[in-house]
Amino acid sequence: MSKTPSDRIDQLIRTFFRLAPDTPLSPDRTVESLGANEWLIIDLAIAVEAEFGLEISAERALALQTVGDWHQVVQDK
């Protein structure tokens, strides 16, 4: 079965923040609460760009505060 864009974003977030595969990622969960720092957020943005064919500026990436914000970036493409 194909993964949805939301599933793919969640997988990237879990990978970059070294979370267990079953870590709940509700849309309102902040990336800060997951252990994000500026470097991880920029790395995540690069991975999202590659995965979805997007361009996300560093400023935009750093403004994405929640898991839902990251989902919205992909939905808006």
PDB file of N, CA and C in Angstrom:
ATOM      1  N   MET A   1       0.844  -1.177   0.000  1.00  0.00           N
ATOM      2  CA  MET A   1       0.000   0.000   0.000  1.00  0.00           C
ATOM      3  C   MET A   1       0.892   1.243   0.000  1.00  0.00           C
ATOM      4  N   SER A   2       0.498   2.249  -0.787  1.00  0.00           N
ATOM      5  CA  SER A   2       1.257   3.491  -0.856  1.00  0.00           C
ATOM      6  C   SER A   2       1.063   4.309   0.406  1.00  0.00           C
ATOM      7  N   LYS A   3       2.121   4.972   0.768  1.00  0.00           N
ATOM      8  CA  LYS A   3       2.031   5.868   1.918  1.00  0.00           C
ATOM      9  C   LYS A   3       1.476   7.204   1.466  1.00  0.00           C
ATOM     10  N   THR A   4       0.647   7.804   2.316  1.00  0.00           N
ATOM     11  CA  THR A   4       0.112   9.126   2.018  1.00  0.00           C
ATOM     12  C   THR A   4       1.208  10.169   2.248  1.00  0.00           C
ATOM     13  N   PRO A   5       1.043  11.374   1.689  1.00  0.00           N
ATOM     14  CA  PRO A   5       2.014  12.433   1.982  1.00  0.00           C
ATOM     15  C   PRO A   5       2.183  12.675   3.485  1.00  0.00           C
ATOM     16  N   SER A   6       1.093  12.612   4.236  1.00  0.00           N
ATOM     17  CA  SER A   6       1.188  12.809   5.686  1.00  0.00           C
ATOM     18  C   SER A   6       2.015  11.708   6.343  1.00  0.00           C
ATOM     19  N   ASP A   7       1.818  10.474   5.894  1.00  0.00           N
ATOM     20  CA  ASP A   7       2.617   9.361   6.419  1.00  0.00           C
ATOM     21  C   ASP A   7       4.095   9.567   6.109  1.00  0.00           C
ATOM     22  N   ARG A   8       4.383  10.044   4.902  1.00  0.00           N
ATOM     23  CA  ARG A   8       5.766  10.262   4.499  1.00  0.00           C
ATOM     24  C   ARG A   8       6.406  11.385   5.313  1.00  0.00           C
ATOM     25  N   ILE A   9       5.657  12.458   5.573  1.00  0.00           N
ATOM     26  CA  ILE A   9       6.169  13.552   6.415  1.00  0.00           C
ATOM     27  C   ILE A   9       6.446  13.026   7.817  1.00  0.00           C
ATOM     28  N   ASP A  10       5.496  12.290   8.377  1.00  0.00           N
ATOM     29  CA  ASP A  10       5.681  11.736   9.724  1.00  0.00           C
ATOM     30  C   ASP A  10       6.918  10.844   9.787  1.00  0.00           C
ATOM     31  N   GLN A  11       7.125  10.041   8.755  1.00  0.00           N
ATOM     32  CA  GLN A  11       8.296   9.171   8.721  1.00  0.00           C
ATOM     33  C   GLN A  11       9.587  10.006   8.700  1.00  0.00           C
ATOM     34  N   LEU A  12       9.614  11.062   7.904  1.00  0.00           N
ATOM     35  CA  LEU A  12      10.794  11.932   7.866  1.00  0.00           C
ATOM     36  C   LEU A  12      11.035  12.576   9.230  1.00  0.00           C
ATOM     37  N   ILE A  13       9.976  13.066   9.859  1.00  0.00           N
ATOM     38  CA  ILE A  13      10.111  13.699  11.177  1.00  0.00           C
ATOM     39  C   ILE A  13      10.658  12.682  12.181  1.00  0.00           C
ATOM     40  N   ARG A  14      10.104  11.488  12.188  1.00  0.00           N
ATOM     41  CA  ARG A  14      10.593  10.462  13.123  1.00  0.00           C
ATOM     42  C   ARG A  14      12.061  10.133  12.857  1.00  0.00           C
ATOM     43  N   THR A  15      12.442  10.083  11.599  1.00  0.00           N
ATOM     44  CA  THR A  15      13.833   9.788  11.245  1.00  0.00           C
ATOM     45  C   THR A  15      14.764  10.896  11.704  1.00  0.00           C
ATOM     46  N   PHE A  16      14.444  12.137  11.364  1.00  0.00           N
ATOM     47  CA  PHE A  16      15.345  13.242  11.674  1.00  0.00           C
ATOM     48  C   PHE A  16      15.442  13.545  13.159  1.00  0.00           C
ATOM     49  N   PHE A  17      14.379  13.298  13.900  1.00  0.00           N
ATOM     50  CA  PHE A  17      14.407  13.559  15.333  1.00  0.00           C
ATOM     51  C   PHE A  17      14.652  12.292  16.139  1.00  0.00           C
ATOM     52  N   ARG A  18      14.995  11.209  15.433  1.00  0.00           N
ATOM     53  CA  ARG A  18      15.344   9.918  16.053  1.00  0.00           C
ATOM     54  C   ARG A  18      14.283   9.442  17.039  1.00  0.00           C
ATOM     55  N   LEU A  19      13.053   9.421  16.546  1.00  0.00           N
ATOM     56  CA  LEU A  19      11.921   9.000  17.366  1.00  0.00           C
ATOM     57  C   LEU A  19      11.575   7.553  17.068  1.00  0.00           C
ATOM     58  N   ALA A  20      10.974   6.898  18.032  1.00  0.00           N
ATOM     59  CA  ALA A  20      10.488   5.537  17.819  1.00  0.00           C
ATOM     60  C   ALA A  20       9.391   5.553  16.752  1.00  0.00           C
ATOM     61  N   PRO A  21       9.278   4.488  15.978  1.00  0.00           N
ATOM     62  CA  PRO A  21       8.274   4.442  14.919  1.00  0.00           C
ATOM     63  C   PRO A  21       6.838   4.640  15.405  1.00  0.00           C
ATOM     64  N   ASP A  22       6.579   4.338  16.659  1.00  0.00           N
ATOM     65  CA  ASP A  22       5.213   4.478  17.183  1.00  0.00           C
ATOM     66  C   ASP A  22       4.993   5.774  17.966  1.00  0.00           C
ATOM     67  N   THR A  23       5.946   6.699  17.901  1.00  0.00           N
ATOM     68  CA  THR A  23       5.780   7.984  18.589  1.00  0.00           C
ATOM     69  C   THR A  23       4.598   8.734  17.975  1.00  0.00           C
ATOM     70  N   PRO A  24       3.598   9.122  18.790  1.00  0.00           N
ATOM     71  CA  PRO A  24       2.453   9.854  18.249  1.00  0.00           C
ATOM     72  C   PRO A  24       2.871  11.237  17.745  1.00  0.00           C
ATOM     73  N   LEU A  25       2.371  11.594  16.575  1.00  0.00           N
ATOM     74  CA  LEU A  25       2.676  12.894  15.981  1.00  0.00           C
ATOM     75  C   LEU A  25       1.383  13.606  15.618  1.00  0.00           C
ATOM     76  N   SER A  26       0.718  14.146  16.614  1.00  0.00           N
ATOM     77  CA  SER A  26      -0.509  14.889  16.349  1.00  0.00           C
ATOM     78  C   SER A  26      -0.157  16.196  15.650  1.00  0.00           C
ATOM     79  N   PRO A  27      -1.075  16.752  14.854  1.00  0.00           N
ATOM     80  CA  PRO A  27      -0.786  17.978  14.111  1.00  0.00           C
ATOM     81  C   PRO A  27      -0.369  19.164  14.977  1.00  0.00           C
ATOM     82  N   ASP A  28      -0.833  19.196  16.226  1.00  0.00           N
ATOM     83  CA  ASP A  28      -0.497  20.335  17.083  1.00  0.00           C
ATOM     84  C   ASP A  28       0.784  20.121  17.895  1.00  0.00           C
ATOM     85  N   ARG A  29       1.430  18.998  17.710  1.00  0.00           N
ATOM     86  CA  ARG A  29       2.691  18.722  18.425  1.00  0.00           C
ATOM     87  C   ARG A  29       3.790  19.605  17.863  1.00  0.00           C
ATOM     88  N   THR A  30       4.497  20.305  18.735  1.00  0.00           N
ATOM     89  CA  THR A  30       5.555  21.192  18.265  1.00  0.00           C
ATOM     90  C   THR A  30       6.820  20.400  17.955  1.00  0.00           C
ATOM     91  N   VAL A  31       7.555  20.878  16.960  1.00  0.00           N
ATOM     92  CA  VAL A  31       8.814  20.214  16.638  1.00  0.00           C
ATOM     93  C   VAL A  31       9.815  20.435  17.772  1.00  0.00           C
ATOM     94  N   GLU A  32       9.673  21.515  18.493  1.00  0.00           N
ATOM     95  CA  GLU A  32      10.532  21.759  19.657  1.00  0.00           C
ATOM     96  C   GLU A  32      10.343  20.659  20.698  1.00  0.00           C
ATOM     97  N   SER A  33       9.101  20.222  20.901  1.00  0.00           N
ATOM     98  CA  SER A  33       8.835  19.166  21.884  1.00  0.00           C
ATOM     99  C   SER A  33       9.422  17.822  21.445  1.00  0.00           C
ATOM    100  N   LEU A  34       9.770  17.717  20.166  1.00  0.00           N
ATOM    101  CA  LEU A  34      10.369  16.498  19.636  1.00  0.00           C
ATOM    102  C   LEU A  34      11.893  16.540  19.674  1.00  0.00           C
ATOM    103  N   GLY A  35      12.430  17.667  20.140  1.00  0.00           N
ATOM    104  CA  GLY A  35      13.880  17.791  20.240  1.00  0.00           C
ATOM    105  C   GLY A  35      14.523  18.531  19.079  1.00  0.00           C
ATOM    106  N   ALA A  36      13.725  19.275  18.333  1.00  0.00           N
ATOM    107  CA  ALA A  36      14.254  19.985  17.172  1.00  0.00           C
ATOM    108  C   ALA A  36      15.202  21.102  17.575  1.00  0.00           C
ATOM    109  N   ASN A  37      16.217  21.283  16.748  1.00  0.00           N
ATOM    110  CA  ASN A  37      17.046  22.482  16.824  1.00  0.00           C
ATOM    111  C   ASN A  37      17.142  23.023  15.398  1.00  0.00           C
ATOM    112  N   GLU A  38      17.763  24.164  15.216  1.00  0.00           N
ATOM    113  CA  GLU A  38      17.795  24.793  13.895  1.00  0.00           C
ATOM    114  C   GLU A  38      18.418  23.890  12.844  1.00  0.00           C
ATOM    115  N   TRP A  39      19.481  23.178  13.197  1.00  0.00           N
ATOM    116  CA  TRP A  39      20.157  22.314  12.227  1.00  0.00           C
ATOM    117  C   TRP A  39      19.262  21.165  11.785  1.00  0.00           C
ATOM    118  N   LEU A  40      18.582  20.550  12.733  1.00  0.00           N
ATOM    119  CA  LEU A  40      17.683  19.448  12.378  1.00  0.00           C
ATOM    120  C   LEU A  40      16.522  19.928  11.520  1.00  0.00           C
ATOM    121  N   ILE A  41      16.016  21.101  11.819  1.00  0.00           N
ATOM    122  CA  ILE A  41      14.901  21.649  11.035  1.00  0.00           C
ATOM    123  C   ILE A  41      15.346  21.919   9.596  1.00  0.00           C
ATOM    124  N   ILE A  42      16.531  22.480   9.420  1.00  0.00           N
ATOM    125  CA  ILE A  42      17.043  22.736   8.068  1.00  0.00           C
ATOM    126  C   ILE A  42      17.271  21.413   7.341  1.00  0.00           C
ATOM    127  N   ASP A  43      17.840  20.432   8.024  1.00  0.00           N
ATOM    128  CA  ASP A  43      18.030  19.111   7.413  1.00  0.00           C
ATOM    129  C   ASP A  43      16.688  18.479   7.032  1.00  0.00           C
ATOM    130  N   LEU A  44      15.699  18.628   7.895  1.00  0.00           N
ATOM    131  CA  LEU A  44      14.365  18.108   7.585  1.00  0.00           C
ATOM    132  C   LEU A  44      13.799  18.806   6.349  1.00  0.00           C
ATOM    133  N   ALA A  45      13.983  20.106   6.264  1.00  0.00           N
ATOM    134  CA  ALA A  45      13.489  20.858   5.104  1.00  0.00           C
ATOM    135  C   ALA A  45      14.137  20.351   3.815  1.00  0.00           C
ATOM    136  N   ILE A  46      15.424  20.086   3.851  1.00  0.00           N
ATOM    137  CA  ILE A  46      16.128  19.564   2.679  1.00  0.00           C
ATOM    138  C   ILE A  46      15.557  18.203   2.277  1.00  0.00           C
ATOM    139  N   ALA A  47      15.286  17.361   3.261  1.00  0.00           N
ATOM    140  CA  ALA A  47      14.715  16.040   2.979  1.00  0.00           C
ATOM    141  C   ALA A  47      13.305  16.160   2.406  1.00  0.00           C
ATOM    142  N   VAL A  48      12.515  17.081   2.951  1.00  0.00           N
ATOM    143  CA  VAL A  48      11.152  17.297   2.446  1.00  0.00           C
ATOM    144  C   VAL A  48      11.218  17.822   1.010  1.00  0.00           C
ATOM    145  N   GLU A  49      12.149  18.723   0.753  1.00  0.00           N
ATOM    146  CA  GLU A  49      12.324  19.233  -0.614  1.00  0.00           C
ATOM    147  C   GLU A  49      12.608  18.092  -1.586  1.00  0.00           C
ATOM    148  N   ALA A  50      13.531  17.210  -1.195  1.00  0.00           N
ATOM    149  CA  ALA A  50      13.905  16.087  -2.053  1.00  0.00           C
ATOM    150  C   ALA A  50      12.747  15.096  -2.225  1.00  0.00           C
ATOM    151  N   GLU A  51      12.042  14.825  -1.148  1.00  0.00           N
ATOM    152  CA  GLU A  51      10.953  13.844  -1.174  1.00  0.00           C
ATOM    153  C   GLU A  51       9.761  14.314  -2.000  1.00  0.00           C
ATOM    154  N   PHE A  52       9.467  15.622  -1.938  1.00  0.00           N
ATOM    155  CA  PHE A  52       8.240  16.136  -2.545  1.00  0.00           C
ATOM    156  C   PHE A  52       8.475  17.117  -3.692  1.00  0.00           C
ATOM    157  N   GLY A  53       9.728  17.387  -4.036  1.00  0.00           N
ATOM    158  CA  GLY A  53      10.010  18.310  -5.132  1.00  0.00           C
ATOM    159  C   GLY A  53       9.621  19.743  -4.824  1.00  0.00           C
ATOM    160  N   LEU A  54       9.862  20.151  -3.588  1.00  0.00           N
ATOM    161  CA  LEU A  54       9.513  21.500  -3.129  1.00  0.00           C
ATOM    162  C   LEU A  54      10.763  22.335  -2.913  1.00  0.00           C
ATOM    163  N   GLU A  55      10.564  23.622  -2.763  1.00  0.00           N
ATOM    164  CA  GLU A  55      11.621  24.511  -2.290  1.00  0.00           C
ATOM    165  C   GLU A  55      11.120  25.175  -1.018  1.00  0.00           C
ATOM    166  N   ILE A  56      11.887  25.031   0.050  1.00  0.00           N
ATOM    167  CA  ILE A  56      11.533  25.619   1.345  1.00  0.00           C
ATOM    168  C   ILE A  56      12.730  26.440   1.795  1.00  0.00           C
ATOM    169  N   SER A  57      12.537  27.734   1.941  1.00  0.00           N
ATOM    170  CA  SER A  57      13.637  28.578   2.398  1.00  0.00           C
ATOM    171  C   SER A  57      13.956  28.262   3.861  1.00  0.00           C
ATOM    172  N   ALA A  58      15.161  28.596   4.260  1.00  0.00           N
ATOM    173  CA  ALA A  58      15.552  28.382   5.654  1.00  0.00           C
ATOM    174  C   ALA A  58      14.626  29.153   6.583  1.00  0.00           C
ATOM    175  N   GLU A  59      14.280  30.370   6.200  1.00  0.00           N
ATOM    176  CA  GLU A  59      13.391  31.188   7.036  1.00  0.00           C
ATOM    177  C   GLU A  59      12.030  30.520   7.189  1.00  0.00           C
ATOM    178  N   ARG A  60      11.520  30.002   6.083  1.00  0.00           N
ATOM    179  CA  ARG A  60      10.216  29.328   6.122  1.00  0.00           C
ATOM    180  C   ARG A  60      10.295  28.072   6.984  1.00  0.00           C
ATOM    181  N   ALA A  61      11.351  27.281   6.794  1.00  0.00           N
ATOM    182  CA  ALA A  61      11.505  26.045   7.572  1.00  0.00           C
ATOM    183  C   ALA A  61      11.527  26.344   9.067  1.00  0.00           C
ATOM    184  N   LEU A  62      12.262  27.374   9.452  1.00  0.00           N
ATOM    185  CA  LEU A  62      12.371  27.704  10.878  1.00  0.00           C
ATOM    186  C   LEU A  62      11.066  28.244  11.451  1.00  0.00           C
ATOM    187  N   ALA A  63      10.171  28.704  10.569  1.00  0.00           N
ATOM    188  CA  ALA A  63       8.872  29.208  11.027  1.00  0.00           C
ATOM    189  C   ALA A  63       7.839  28.091  11.195  1.00  0.00           C
ATOM    190  N   LEU A  64       8.142  26.890  10.705  1.00  0.00           N
ATOM    191  CA  LEU A  64       7.214  25.765  10.813  1.00  0.00           C
ATOM    192  C   LEU A  64       7.341  25.172  12.216  1.00  0.00           C
ATOM    193  N   GLN A  65       6.387  25.470  13.065  1.00  0.00           N
ATOM    194  CA  GLN A  65       6.481  25.142  14.481  1.00  0.00           C
ATOM    195  C   GLN A  65       5.863  23.818  14.887  1.00  0.00           C
ATOM    196  N   THR A  66       4.918  23.311  14.088  1.00  0.00           N
ATOM    197  CA  THR A  66       4.214  22.094  14.485  1.00  0.00           C
ATOM    198  C   THR A  66       4.278  21.037  13.384  1.00  0.00           C
ATOM    199  N   VAL A  67       3.945  19.823  13.759  1.00  0.00           N
ATOM    200  CA  VAL A  67       3.848  18.736  12.773  1.00  0.00           C
ATOM    201  C   VAL A  67       2.819  19.112  11.710  1.00  0.00           C
ATOM    202  N   GLY A  68       1.719  19.700  12.137  1.00  0.00           N
ATOM    203  CA  GLY A  68       0.683  20.135  11.192  1.00  0.00           C
ATOM    204  C   GLY A  68       1.187  21.172  10.203  1.00  0.00           C
ATOM    205  N   ASP A  69       2.078  22.065  10.652  1.00  0.00           N
ATOM    206  CA  ASP A  69       2.670  23.049   9.740  1.00  0.00           C
ATOM    207  C   ASP A  69       3.436  22.347   8.623  1.00  0.00           C
ATOM    208  N   TRP A  70       4.184  21.302   8.972  1.00  0.00           N
ATOM    209  CA  TRP A  70       4.949  20.548   7.970  1.00  0.00           C
ATOM    210  C   TRP A  70       4.010  19.833   7.011  1.00  0.00           C
ATOM    211  N   HIS A  71       2.921  19.289   7.505  1.00  0.00           N
ATOM    212  CA  HIS A  71       1.939  18.644   6.636  1.00  0.00           C
ATOM    213  C   HIS A  71       1.347  19.676   5.664  1.00  0.00           C
ATOM    214  N   GLN A  72       1.067  20.865   6.169  1.00  0.00           N
ATOM    215  CA  GLN A  72       0.453  21.915   5.352  1.00  0.00           C
ATOM    216  C   GLN A  72       1.362  22.346   4.210  1.00  0.00           C
ATOM    217  N   VAL A  73       2.670  22.403   4.460  1.00  0.00           N
ATOM    218  CA  VAL A  73       3.625  22.782   3.410  1.00  0.00           C
ATOM    219  C   VAL A  73       3.480  21.843   2.215  1.00  0.00           C
ATOM    220  N   VAL A  74       3.364  20.566   2.497  1.00  0.00           N
ATOM    221  CA  VAL A  74       3.240  19.582   1.406  1.00  0.00           C
ATOM    222  C   VAL A  74       1.879  19.681   0.742  1.00  0.00           C
ATOM    223  N   GLN A  75       0.828  19.882   1.526  1.00  0.00           N
ATOM    224  CA  GLN A  75      -0.512  19.995   0.965  1.00  0.00           C
ATOM    225  C   GLN A  75      -0.643  21.224   0.073  1.00  0.00           C
ATOM    226  N   ASP A  76       0.086  22.287   0.393  1.00  0.00           N
ATOM    227  CA  ASP A  76       0.009  23.536  -0.354  1.00  0.00           C
ATOM    228  C   ASP A  76       0.804  23.516  -1.657  1.00  0.00           C
ATOM    229  N   LYS A  77       1.608  22.465  -1.871  1.00  0.00           N
ATOM    230  CA  LYS A  77       2.494  22.468  -3.047  1.00  0.00           C
ATOM    231  C   LYS A  77       1.754  22.472  -4.356  1.00  0.00           C
TER     232      LYS A  77
END
